[in-house]
Amino acid sequence: MVLVAIDLKIGEFEASHKGQMELYLRYLEKYEIVDGENSPIGLILCIGKNEEHVELL
């Protein structure tokens, strides 16, 4: 079993979205995960992206 955080964004991908998702994932790890579960994963869905930003992050 694994928890999945999904963040839907209206605009293009920004570096700050990654930091926000990391906050969500740390919260899940600290307060919501139960013994035997894998680490949570995050999915950020945006309208567009800057290829360089995505590659570097």
Protein backbone atom coordinates (compact mmCIF):
# COMPACT_ATOMS: atom_id res chain seq x y z
CA MET A 1 0.00 0.00 0.00
CA VAL A 2 1.21 3.51 -0.77
CA LEU A 3 -0.28 6.97 -0.24
CA VAL A 4 -0.43 9.24 -3.31
CA ALA A 5 -0.67 13.04 -3.12
CA ILE A 6 -2.07 14.65 -6.29
CA ASP A 7 -1.76 18.40 -6.83
CA LEU A 8 -3.65 19.94 -9.76
CA LYS A 9 -2.26 23.29 -10.99
CA ILE A 10 -4.03 25.68 -13.35
CA GLY A 11 -0.88 27.34 -14.74
CA GLU A 12 2.52 26.21 -15.90
CA PHE A 13 4.90 24.26 -13.68
CA GLU A 14 6.95 26.39 -11.26
CA ALA A 15 9.83 25.34 -9.02
CA SER A 16 7.79 26.27 -5.95
CA HIS A 17 5.32 23.50 -6.80
CA LYS A 18 8.02 20.93 -6.06
CA GLY A 19 8.66 22.42 -2.62
CA GLN A 20 4.95 22.46 -1.87
CA MET A 21 4.65 18.78 -2.85
CA GLU A 22 7.60 17.90 -0.63
CA LEU A 23 5.77 19.51 2.29
CA TYR A 24 2.68 17.38 1.57
CA LEU A 25 4.80 14.21 1.36
CA ARG A 26 6.63 14.93 4.63
CA TYR A 27 3.25 15.47 6.33
CA LEU A 28 1.99 12.14 5.03
CA GLU A 29 5.18 10.40 6.20
CA LYS A 30 4.91 11.90 9.68
CA TYR A 31 1.18 11.69 10.40
CA GLU A 32 -0.63 9.38 7.99
CA ILE A 33 1.64 6.45 7.09
CA VAL A 34 1.08 3.13 8.88
CA ASP A 35 3.57 0.38 9.58
CA GLY A 36 4.38 -1.63 6.47
CA GLU A 37 3.42 1.06 3.97
CA ASN A 38 5.88 2.34 1.38
CA SER A 39 6.88 6.01 1.30
CA PRO A 40 4.20 8.28 -0.21
CA ILE A 41 4.58 9.53 -3.76
CA GLY A 42 3.47 12.82 -5.30
CA LEU A 43 2.04 13.73 -8.66
CA ILE A 44 1.90 17.35 -9.88
CA LEU A 45 -0.37 17.97 -12.87
CA CYS A 46 0.04 21.30 -14.71
CA ILE A 47 -1.19 22.84 -17.94
CA GLY A 48 2.34 23.39 -19.24
CA LYS A 49 5.99 23.11 -18.35
CA ASN A 50 9.41 24.54 -18.91
CA GLU A 51 11.52 21.56 -20.03
CA GLU A 52 14.67 22.94 -18.35
CA HIS A 53 12.95 23.45 -14.98
CA VAL A 54 11.53 19.93 -14.99
CA GLU A 55 14.86 18.38 -16.00
CA LEU A 56 16.83 20.26 -13.34
CA LEU A 57 14.37 19.55 -10.52
